[in-house]
């Protein structure tokens, strides 16, 4: 009863496993693992010049097997209250863990030369990778595959378009889904091609502390260490990592969410117009028994808006830091798991709704047949192509009416004084141009991209597993 976020209560089952990746407790374990990987790195470098005893294979195996238990995490919290510093608390707990496995002779090397933000930025990069490649991008891919299926099924299904909310030149339902699929796949492509940065540079970014440890090429060695974590080394920093890479990623996820809000709103309007039917859990009205509401769609829109808004605000705030360091960014970053969690929840609800929709083709045809005036474009273009310079003005006079039937259309053609077979045989349902071709082309290109994204997710998960983060 003491939970504040709906993600921890109402929606927890829908985000199964996500909390273990994106929670505050998970962040503590990531930082501990970064410290241990750095310790192994330091042992190898210093033993190579005779400053410490080399680590043997059996000891390395023991070191790599160190994990923080729930009790260890609680001890970190207790020590943080006592010491006033969370990363120092992790260091103390790890010293105890080394003693427990007989490696206490390396305990003095834990955190040697580092500032806490060296650990924090690397752990945050790892956490962000896991959120993106294990949850967010797979959810985007799942939605993309649903859209591709809809494109292929309805590529040639004609429907009236609405520009400015008014009846316009016909399209197909599949082509309209292709528009949203293309946008989604463009965002996915950008996300999987992004590099997540990291740094180890000491208290103010000068690596000064490392000159007190040993005479090594520390700029090169530390950049190699960052690379070993599957992160992109940053060549210059203050105490904190330059925020631009992270803010770019967060803004990109935010804007991806807004592109999907556009999809949700369009589909909501198609539902309102009776163009689609939807399956799924029927949740209606507490007072109107006839109602079946598109709750998953509306829930998706709300959660996407919330997650997107938090991420965009965070991306702006993180751009600012006083001189070499202040802590205003630290408390903000602790909300990334929450914000991306809302985006993932919105995505999953949107996919769930899209999986259950079925186009009401009778409704589409009826609507088309009630609006023959939408053929005005075809008429004026055809007549101009045949040499009538004033065709647009003539069509404007005849076609700008509230609604036109088939007979009205044929009478208009007759009044225009043309006897053109193309125009006489034209129907709203067959004036869709290359919509079907466009739709199928997008379905094909999106499928290739979605496959590529799945491969990227597998590769990143394997890399995280090799490092011991899964």
Protein backbone atom coordinates (compact mmCIF):
# COMPACT_ATOMS: atom_id res chain seq x y z
CA UNK A 1 0.00 0.00 0.00
CA UNK A 2 3.06 2.28 0.09
CA UNK A 3 3.78 2.22 -3.65
CA UNK A 4 3.71 5.56 -5.46
CA UNK A 5 4.07 4.63 -9.11
CA UNK A 6 1.37 2.74 -11.04
CA UNK A 7 4.25 0.90 -12.74
CA UNK A 8 4.97 -0.76 -9.40
CA UNK A 9 1.37 -1.74 -8.73
CA UNK A 10 -1.36 -1.55 -11.35
CA UNK A 11 0.91 -2.25 -14.34
CA UNK A 12 3.65 -4.34 -12.74
CA UNK A 13 2.62 -7.59 -14.43
CA UNK A 14 2.65 -5.92 -17.85
CA UNK A 15 6.29 -4.95 -17.31
CA UNK A 16 7.42 -8.30 -15.96
CA UNK A 17 11.20 -8.36 -15.55
CA UNK A 18 11.66 -4.66 -16.29
CA UNK A 19 12.04 -3.68 -12.64
CA UNK A 20 15.03 -6.01 -12.29
CA UNK A 21 16.70 -4.06 -15.10
CA UNK A 22 15.66 -0.46 -14.46
CA UNK A 23 15.10 -0.04 -10.69
CA UNK A 24 17.20 1.78 -8.11
CA UNK A 25 18.28 -1.62 -6.76
CA UNK A 26 19.37 -2.64 -10.26
CA UNK A 27 21.45 0.54 -10.53
CA UNK A 28 23.26 -0.37 -7.31
CA UNK A 29 24.13 -3.81 -8.72
CA UNK A 30 25.32 -2.28 -12.01
CA UNK A 31 27.66 0.04 -10.13
CA UNK A 32 28.99 -2.86 -8.09
CA UNK A 33 29.67 -4.86 -11.26
CA UNK A 34 31.44 -1.89 -12.87
CA UNK A 35 33.65 -1.62 -9.78
CA UNK A 36 34.51 -5.32 -10.04
CA UNK A 37 35.26 -5.15 -13.76
CA UNK A 38 37.47 -2.12 -13.12
CA UNK A 39 39.20 -4.02 -10.31
CA UNK A 40 39.99 -6.89 -12.67
CA UNK A 41 41.26 -4.40 -15.25
CA UNK A 42 43.46 -2.70 -12.64
CA UNK A 43 44.89 -5.96 -11.35
CA UNK A 44 45.88 -6.95 -14.88
CA UNK A 45 47.53 -3.59 -15.63
CA UNK A 46 49.39 -3.29 -12.34
CA UNK A 47 50.48 -6.92 -12.21
CA UNK A 48 51.99 -6.53 -15.68
CA UNK A 49 54.49 -4.02 -14.21
CA UNK A 50 55.03 -5.91 -10.94
CA UNK A 51 53.00 -3.70 -8.57
CA UNK A 52 50.53 -6.40 -7.49
CA UNK A 53 50.36 -10.17 -7.57
CA UNK A 54 48.89 -11.50 -10.86
CA UNK A 55 45.46 -13.05 -10.58
CA UNK A 56 45.21 -16.70 -11.57
CA UNK A 57 42.37 -18.31 -13.50
CA UNK A 58 40.68 -19.76 -10.43
CA UNK A 59 40.81 -16.42 -8.60
CA UNK A 60 39.51 -14.62 -11.67
CA UNK A 61 36.60 -17.06 -11.80
CA UNK A 62 35.82 -16.31 -8.14
CA UNK A 63 36.04 -12.57 -8.75
CA UNK A 64 33.72 -12.71 -11.75
CA UNK A 65 31.22 -14.69 -9.74
CA UNK A 66 30.68 -11.96 -7.14
CA UNK A 67 27.07 -10.77 -7.08
CA UNK A 68 25.19 -8.52 -4.68
CA UNK A 69 22.35 -10.25 -2.87
CA UNK A 70 19.23 -8.47 -1.61
CA UNK A 71 20.93 -8.40 1.78
CA UNK A 72 24.00 -6.77 0.26
CA UNK A 73 21.84 -4.10 -1.39
CA UNK A 74 20.21 -3.40 1.99
CA UNK A 75 23.67 -3.12 3.54
CA UNK A 76 24.63 -0.61 0.86
CA UNK A 77 21.62 1.47 1.82
CA UNK A 78 22.49 1.23 5.53
CA UNK A 79 26.07 2.27 4.90
CA UNK A 80 24.95 5.14 2.67
CA UNK A 81 22.94 6.53 5.58
CA UNK A 82 26.01 6.18 7.78
CA UNK A 83 28.63 7.46 5.35
CA UNK A 84 26.54 9.93 3.36
CA UNK A 85 27.78 8.49 0.05
CA UNK A 86 26.24 5.72 -2.01
CA UNK A 87 29.27 4.74 -4.12
CA UNK A 88 31.53 4.61 -1.06
CA UNK A 89 28.96 2.34 0.56
CA UNK A 90 29.19 -0.01 -2.46
CA UNK A 91 32.99 -0.01 -2.14
CA UNK A 92 32.80 -1.08 1.51
CA UNK A 93 30.34 -3.87 0.76
CA UNK A 94 32.59 -5.13 -2.05
CA UNK A 95 35.58 -5.22 0.27
CA UNK A 96 33.61 -7.60 2.45
CA UNK A 97 32.65 -9.69 -0.58
CA UNK A 98 36.34 -10.00 -1.58
CA UNK A 99 37.28 -11.12 1.90
CA UNK A 100 34.55 -13.74 1.80
CA UNK A 101 36.08 -15.32 -1.34
CA UNK A 102 39.69 -15.08 -0.21
CA UNK A 103 40.71 -12.13 -2.38
CA UNK A 104 41.08 -9.52 0.35
CA UNK A 105 44.67 -8.83 -0.81
CA UNK A 106 43.12 -6.95 -3.75
CA UNK A 107 40.62 -4.97 -1.66
CA UNK A 108 42.81 -1.84 -1.57
CA UNK A 109 42.46 -1.56 -5.35
CA UNK A 110 38.67 -1.21 -5.37
CA UNK A 111 37.73 2.25 -6.69
CA UNK A 112 41.40 3.25 -6.83
CA UNK A 113 41.80 6.44 -8.88
CA UNK A 114 38.09 6.74 -9.61
CA UNK A 115 35.56 9.39 -8.79
CA UNK A 116 32.04 8.21 -8.08
CA UNK A 117 30.81 9.65 -11.36
CA UNK A 118 33.22 7.39 -13.26
CA UNK A 119 31.27 4.47 -11.85
CA UNK A 120 27.87 6.10 -12.14
CA UNK A 121 28.11 7.06 -15.81
CA UNK A 122 29.28 3.58 -16.84
CA UNK A 123 26.55 1.90 -14.80
CA UNK A 124 23.96 4.27 -16.26
CA UNK A 125 25.16 3.43 -19.77
CA UNK A 126 24.80 -0.28 -19.05
CA UNK A 127 21.34 0.22 -17.54
CA UNK A 128 20.24 2.32 -20.53
CA UNK A 129 21.48 -0.34 -22.94
CA UNK A 130 19.47 -3.00 -21.14
CA UNK A 131 16.33 -0.86 -21.07
CA UNK A 132 16.67 -0.13 -24.77
CA UNK A 133 17.77 -3.49 -26.16
CA UNK A 134 15.89 -5.83 -23.85
CA UNK A 135 12.61 -3.95 -23.54
CA UNK A 136 12.06 -0.76 -25.55
CA UNK A 137 13.41 -1.74 -28.97
CA UNK A 138 11.88 -5.27 -28.86
CA UNK A 139 8.53 -3.64 -28.05
CA UNK A 140 8.96 -1.28 -31.00
CA UNK A 141 9.81 -4.23 -33.24
CA UNK A 142 6.73 -6.15 -32.05
CA UNK A 143 4.53 -3.19 -32.92
CA UNK A 144 6.28 -2.85 -36.27
CA UNK A 145 5.50 -6.46 -37.16
CA UNK A 146 1.83 -5.93 -36.35
CA UNK A 147 1.78 -2.89 -38.63
CA UNK A 148 3.47 -4.84 -41.43
CA UNK A 149 0.81 -7.55 -41.15
CA UNK A 150 -1.92 -4.90 -41.43
CA UNK A 151 -0.19 -3.32 -44.42
CA UNK A 152 -0.02 -6.61 -46.29
CA UNK A 153 -3.61 -7.51 -45.44
CA UNK A 154 -5.14 -4.15 -46.39
CA UNK A 155 -2.70 -2.77 -48.98
CA UNK A 156 -5.45 -2.57 -51.60
CA UNK A 157 -8.43 -1.84 -49.33
CA UNK A 158 -9.71 1.59 -50.44
CA UNK A 159 -10.82 4.21 -47.96
CA UNK A 160 -11.56 7.88 -48.06
CA UNK A 161 -8.75 10.15 -46.89
CA UNK A 162 -9.42 13.16 -44.72
CA UNK A 163 -7.26 16.24 -44.95
CA UNK A 164 -8.17 18.98 -42.49
CA UNK A 165 -10.86 16.54 -41.33
CA UNK A 166 -12.68 16.79 -44.66
CA UNK A 167 -13.17 14.08 -47.35
CA UNK A 168 -10.18 14.00 -49.69
CA UNK A 169 -8.60 11.93 -52.46
CA UNK A 170 -9.00 8.21 -51.60
CA UNK A 171 -6.18 6.10 -50.19
CA UNK A 172 -5.98 2.55 -48.84
CA UNK A 173 -5.96 1.44 -45.25
CA UNK A 174 -2.73 -0.45 -45.84
CA UNK A 175 -1.01 2.64 -47.21
CA UNK A 176 -2.02 4.65 -44.16
CA UNK A 177 -0.58 1.94 -41.90
CA UNK A 178 2.53 2.02 -44.10
CA UNK A 179 2.96 5.71 -43.31
CA UNK A 180 3.06 4.97 -39.58
CA UNK A 181 5.22 1.87 -40.06
CA UNK A 182 7.74 3.89 -42.05
CA UNK A 183 7.96 6.48 -39.29
CA UNK A 184 8.34 3.79 -36.65
CA UNK A 185 11.06 1.98 -38.59
CA UNK A 186 12.93 5.24 -39.15
CA UNK A 187 13.04 5.81 -35.41
CA UNK A 188 14.09 2.21 -34.74
CA UNK A 189 16.90 2.58 -37.28
CA UNK A 190 18.13 5.70 -35.50
CA UNK A 191 17.98 4.04 -32.09
CA UNK A 192 19.93 0.92 -33.04
CA UNK A 193 22.64 3.04 -34.69
CA UNK A 194 23.21 5.20 -31.64
CA UNK A 195 26.35 4.82 -29.53
CA UNK A 196 26.08 5.09 -25.76
CA UNK A 197 29.05 6.94 -24.30
CA UNK A 198 31.10 6.41 -21.18
CA UNK A 199 34.23 7.78 -19.48
CA UNK A 200 36.77 7.24 -16.72
CA UNK A 201 38.55 10.53 -16.09
CA UNK A 202 38.81 11.21 -12.35
CA UNK A 203 37.61 14.02 -10.12
CA UNK A 204 37.69 16.87 -12.64
CA UNK A 205 38.33 15.07 -15.91
CA UNK A 206 42.15 15.37 -15.95
CA UNK A 207 42.93 11.77 -14.85
CA UNK A 208 45.31 13.32 -12.30
CA UNK A 209 44.82 10.55 -9.72
CA UNK A 210 46.10 7.92 -12.11
CA UNK A 211 49.53 9.55 -12.27
CA UNK A 212 49.83 8.61 -8.59
CA UNK A 213 49.19 4.93 -9.28
CA UNK A 214 51.71 4.04 -11.98
CA UNK A 215 53.39 5.38 -15.09
CA UNK A 216 51.13 3.97 -17.78
CA UNK A 217 49.42 5.47 -20.81
CA UNK A 218 46.29 5.98 -18.78
CA UNK A 219 44.28 7.94 -21.38
CA UNK A 220 44.63 5.02 -23.78
CA UNK A 221 44.18 2.33 -21.12
CA UNK A 222 41.07 3.90 -19.60
CA UNK A 223 39.46 4.43 -23.00
CA UNK A 224 40.13 0.77 -23.72
CA UNK A 225 38.42 -0.13 -20.44
CA UNK A 226 35.34 1.86 -21.40
CA UNK A 227 35.33 0.14 -24.80
CA UNK A 228 35.50 -3.25 -23.05
CA UNK A 229 32.11 -2.44 -21.50
CA UNK A 230 30.69 -2.06 -25.02
CA UNK A 231 30.41 1.71 -24.55
CA UNK A 232 31.84 4.49 -26.72
CA UNK A 233 34.73 6.27 -24.93
CA UNK A 234 34.44 10.03 -24.57
CA UNK A 235 37.79 11.82 -25.00
CA UNK A 236 37.09 14.78 -22.70
CA UNK A 237 34.89 15.42 -19.68
CA UNK A 238 34.58 17.36 -16.47
CA UNK A 239 33.75 15.24 -13.43
CA UNK A 240 30.64 14.23 -15.37
CA UNK A 241 30.24 12.71 -18.78
CA UNK A 242 29.21 15.29 -21.41
CA UNK A 243 25.41 15.00 -21.38
CA UNK A 244 24.78 15.44 -25.09
CA UNK A 245 24.83 11.78 -26.08
CA UNK A 246 22.41 10.81 -23.32
CA UNK A 247 20.10 13.75 -23.94
CA UNK A 248 20.05 12.91 -27.66
CA UNK A 249 18.97 9.35 -26.87
CA UNK A 250 16.28 10.46 -24.42
CA UNK A 251 14.94 13.07 -26.83
CA UNK A 252 14.88 10.45 -29.58
CA UNK A 253 12.85 8.04 -27.43
CA UNK A 254 10.54 10.93 -26.53
CA UNK A 255 9.97 11.86 -30.17
CA UNK A 256 9.51 8.20 -31.12
CA UNK A 257 6.73 8.11 -28.53
CA UNK A 258 5.06 11.15 -30.03
CA UNK A 259 5.12 9.62 -33.48
CA UNK A 260 3.24 6.66 -31.98
CA UNK A 261 0.78 8.97 -30.26
CA UNK A 262 -0.01 10.16 -33.79
CA UNK A 263 -0.73 6.54 -34.76
CA UNK A 264 -2.91 6.02 -31.69
CA UNK A 265 -4.91 9.16 -32.40
CA UNK A 266 -5.42 8.26 -36.07
CA UNK A 267 -6.60 4.77 -35.19
CA UNK A 268 -8.87 6.21 -32.48
CA UNK A 269 -10.51 8.39 -35.15
CA UNK A 270 -10.85 5.42 -37.51
CA UNK A 271 -12.66 3.68 -34.67
CA UNK A 272 -14.88 6.70 -34.10
CA UNK A 273 -15.74 6.79 -37.82
CA UNK A 274 -16.62 3.09 -37.76
CA UNK A 275 -13.79 2.15 -40.13
CA UNK A 276 -12.39 -0.49 -37.80
CA UNK A 277 -13.65 -2.98 -35.28
CA UNK A 278 -11.48 -4.07 -32.39
CA UNK A 279 -11.23 -7.17 -30.27
CA UNK A 280 -9.91 -7.57 -26.78
CA UNK A 281 -11.19 -7.00 -23.29
CA UNK A 282 -14.53 -5.22 -23.46
CA UNK A 283 -14.57 -2.32 -21.03
CA UNK A 284 -17.58 -0.11 -21.45
CA UNK A 285 -19.41 2.50 -19.47
CA UNK A 286 -20.59 2.37 -15.86
CA UNK A 287 -23.90 3.86 -16.99
CA UNK A 288 -24.29 3.14 -20.73
CA UNK A 289 -24.54 -0.63 -21.30
CA UNK A 290 -24.10 -0.42 -25.06
CA UNK A 291 -20.60 1.05 -24.88
CA UNK A 292 -17.40 -0.81 -25.80
CA UNK A 293 -14.52 1.60 -25.44
CA UNK A 294 -11.03 1.46 -27.01
CA UNK A 295 -9.40 1.53 -23.59
CA UNK A 296 -6.09 -0.05 -24.58
CA UNK A 297 -5.67 2.57 -27.27
CA UNK A 298 -6.46 5.43 -24.92
CA UNK A 299 -4.26 3.94 -22.20
CA UNK A 300 -1.44 3.66 -24.74
CA UNK A 301 -1.80 7.32 -25.70
CA UNK A 302 -1.77 8.46 -22.09
CA UNK A 303 1.29 6.44 -21.09
CA UNK A 304 3.21 7.43 -24.21
CA UNK A 305 2.48 11.10 -23.48
CA UNK A 306 3.59 10.77 -19.85
CA UNK A 307 6.80 8.90 -20.63
CA UNK A 308 7.63 11.19 -23.52
CA UNK A 309 7.06 14.34 -21.49
CA UNK A 310 9.33 13.17 -18.67
CA UNK A 311 12.09 12.17 -21.09
CA UNK A 312 11.98 15.43 -23.00
CA UNK A 313 12.11 17.47 -19.81
CA UNK A 314 14.99 15.36 -18.47
CA UNK A 315 16.89 15.73 -21.75
CA UNK A 316 16.72 19.52 -21.39
CA UNK A 317 17.68 19.61 -17.71
CA UNK A 318 20.70 17.37 -18.22
CA UNK A 319 22.22 19.84 -20.65
CA UNK A 320 23.11 22.08 -17.69
CA UNK A 321 25.77 21.55 -15.03
CA UNK A 322 27.62 24.19 -13.02
CA UNK A 323 31.35 24.23 -13.73
CA UNK A 324 32.90 20.78 -13.25
CA UNK A 325 30.06 19.20 -11.23
CA UNK A 326 26.85 19.68 -9.34
CA UNK A 327 24.33 17.09 -8.25
CA UNK A 328 21.24 18.44 -9.99
CA UNK A 329 21.58 15.78 -12.70
CA UNK A 330 21.91 12.86 -10.29
CA UNK A 331 18.41 12.98 -8.86
CA UNK A 332 16.95 13.56 -12.34
CA UNK A 333 18.65 10.50 -13.85
CA UNK A 334 17.07 8.27 -11.24
CA UNK A 335 13.77 8.74 -13.09
CA UNK A 336 14.92 7.31 -16.42
CA UNK A 337 13.67 3.82 -15.62
CA UNK A 338 10.27 5.26 -14.72
CA UNK A 339 10.00 7.39 -17.85
CA UNK A 340 11.09 4.67 -20.27
CA UNK A 341 8.85 2.23 -18.40
CA UNK A 342 5.80 4.36 -19.24
CA UNK A 343 6.86 4.42 -22.89
CA UNK A 344 7.22 0.62 -22.93
CA UNK A 345 3.83 0.21 -21.27
CA UNK A 346 2.25 2.53 -23.85
CA UNK A 347 3.90 0.60 -26.66
CA UNK A 348 2.63 -2.72 -25.40
CA UNK A 349 -0.90 -1.44 -24.99
CA UNK A 350 -0.80 0.04 -28.49
CA UNK A 351 0.46 -3.22 -29.98
CA UNK A 352 -2.24 -5.14 -28.11
CA UNK A 353 -4.93 -2.92 -29.61
CA UNK A 354 -3.47 -3.02 -33.11
CA UNK A 355 -3.31 -6.83 -33.00
CA UNK A 356 -7.07 -6.94 -32.48
CA UNK A 357 -8.31 -4.54 -35.14
CA UNK A 358 -10.27 -5.55 -38.20
CA UNK A 359 -11.18 -3.19 -41.01
CA UNK A 360 -14.90 -2.72 -41.62
CA UNK A 361 -14.68 -2.82 -45.39
CA UNK A 362 -18.43 -2.25 -45.83
CA UNK A 363 -18.16 0.99 -43.89
CA UNK A 364 -15.22 2.10 -46.01
CA UNK A 365 -17.05 1.42 -49.27
CA UNK A 366 -20.25 3.12 -48.05
CA UNK A 367 -18.28 6.19 -47.06
CA UNK A 368 -16.52 6.30 -50.41
CA UNK A 369 -19.80 5.96 -52.30
CA UNK A 370 -21.25 8.86 -50.34
CA UNK A 371 -18.46 11.19 -51.44
CA UNK A 372 -17.99 11.18 -55.20
CA UNK A 373 -16.87 14.80 -54.94
CA UNK A 374 -13.45 13.47 -53.92
CA UNK A 375 -12.88 12.67 -57.60
CA UNK A 376 -12.59 16.39 -58.37
CA UNK A 377 -8.80 16.14 -58.37
CA UNK A 378 -8.92 13.35 -60.96
CA UNK A 379 -11.32 15.31 -63.16
CA UNK A 380 -9.38 18.58 -63.23
CA UNK A 381 -6.02 16.84 -63.71
CA UNK A 382 -7.37 14.66 -66.54
CA UNK A 383 -8.98 17.59 -68.33
CA UNK A 384 -5.86 19.72 -68.03
CA UNK A 385 -3.83 16.81 -69.40
CA UNK A 386 -6.27 16.78 -72.35
CA UNK A 387 -5.63 20.47 -72.98
CA UNK A 388 -8.32 22.34 -71.00
CA UNK A 389 -6.46 25.17 -69.30
CA UNK A 390 -9.50 26.26 -67.24
CA UNK A 391 -10.38 22.75 -66.05
CA UNK A 392 -9.68 23.54 -62.39
CA UNK A 393 -12.01 26.53 -62.40
CA UNK A 394 -14.80 24.58 -64.12
CA UNK A 395 -14.41 21.68 -61.69
CA UNK A 396 -14.41 24.06 -58.74
CA UNK A 397 -17.84 25.33 -59.74
CA UNK A 398 -19.33 21.85 -60.11
CA UNK A 399 -17.62 19.85 -57.38
CA UNK A 400 -17.53 22.21 -54.42
CA UNK A 401 -20.72 20.80 -52.89
CA UNK A 402 -21.37 19.25 -49.48
CA UNK A 403 -21.78 15.76 -50.91
CA UNK A 404 -21.99 14.17 -54.36
CA UNK A 405 -23.54 10.87 -55.48
CA UNK A 406 -22.62 8.75 -58.49
CA UNK A 407 -25.39 10.37 -60.56
CA UNK A 408 -24.23 13.81 -59.48
CA UNK A 409 -20.72 12.94 -60.60
CA UNK A 410 -21.83 11.63 -64.02
CA UNK A 411 -23.99 14.72 -64.53
CA UNK A 412 -21.01 16.91 -63.69
CA UNK A 413 -18.88 15.09 -66.27
CA UNK A 414 -21.66 15.55 -68.82
CA UNK A 415 -21.93 19.26 -68.00
CA UNK A 416 -18.20 19.62 -68.50
CA UNK A 417 -18.79 18.39 -72.04
CA UNK A 418 -16.33 15.50 -72.03
CA UNK A 419 -16.74 11.93 -73.16
CA UNK A 420 -13.60 10.41 -71.66
CA UNK A 421 -13.71 6.69 -70.83
CA UNK A 422 -11.17 7.08 -68.02
CA UNK A 423 -13.34 9.63 -66.21
CA UNK A 424 -16.62 7.87 -66.97
CA UNK A 425 -15.33 4.60 -65.50
CA UNK A 426 -13.69 6.20 -62.51
CA UNK A 427 -14.99 5.34 -59.04
CA UNK A 428 -13.91 6.55 -55.58
CA UNK A 429 -12.91 2.97 -54.79
CA UNK A 430 -10.51 2.66 -57.69
CA UNK A 431 -8.96 6.11 -57.59
CA UNK A 432 -6.15 5.11 -55.21
CA UNK A 433 -3.17 5.52 -57.52
CA UNK A 434 -0.14 3.52 -56.41
CA UNK A 435 -1.24 3.21 -52.77
CA UNK A 436 -1.06 -0.59 -52.84
CA UNK A 437 2.40 -0.59 -54.41
CA UNK A 438 3.66 1.98 -51.92
CA UNK A 439 2.22 -0.01 -49.02
CA UNK A 440 3.84 -3.28 -50.07
CA UNK A 441 7.19 -1.60 -50.69
CA UNK A 442 7.14 -0.16 -47.18
CA UNK A 443 6.14 -3.53 -45.72
CA UNK A 444 9.14 -5.13 -47.40
CA UNK A 445 11.66 -2.48 -46.34
CA UNK A 446 10.29 -2.37 -42.79
CA UNK A 447 10.55 -6.15 -42.47
CA UNK A 448 14.26 -5.96 -43.35
CA UNK A 449 14.81 -3.21 -40.79
CA UNK A 450 12.86 -5.04 -38.08
CA UNK A 451 14.98 -8.15 -38.69
CA UNK A 452 18.11 -6.03 -38.40
CA UNK A 453 16.85 -4.51 -35.14
CA UNK A 454 16.15 -7.96 -33.70
CA UNK A 455 19.69 -9.01 -34.56
CA UNK A 456 21.05 -5.88 -32.85
CA UNK A 457 19.06 -6.68 -29.72
CA UNK A 458 20.40 -10.25 -29.65
CA UNK A 459 23.96 -8.99 -30.10
CA UNK A 460 23.63 -6.44 -27.30
CA UNK A 461 22.04 -8.95 -24.93
CA UNK A 462 24.88 -11.39 -25.58
CA UNK A 463 27.43 -8.63 -24.92
CA UNK A 464 25.76 -7.76 -21.62
CA UNK A 465 25.68 -11.42 -20.64
CA UNK A 466 29.39 -11.85 -21.41
CA UNK A 467 30.14 -8.93 -19.09
CA UNK A 468 28.03 -10.46 -16.33
CA UNK A 469 25.16 -7.96 -16.42
CA UNK A 470 22.43 -10.56 -17.02
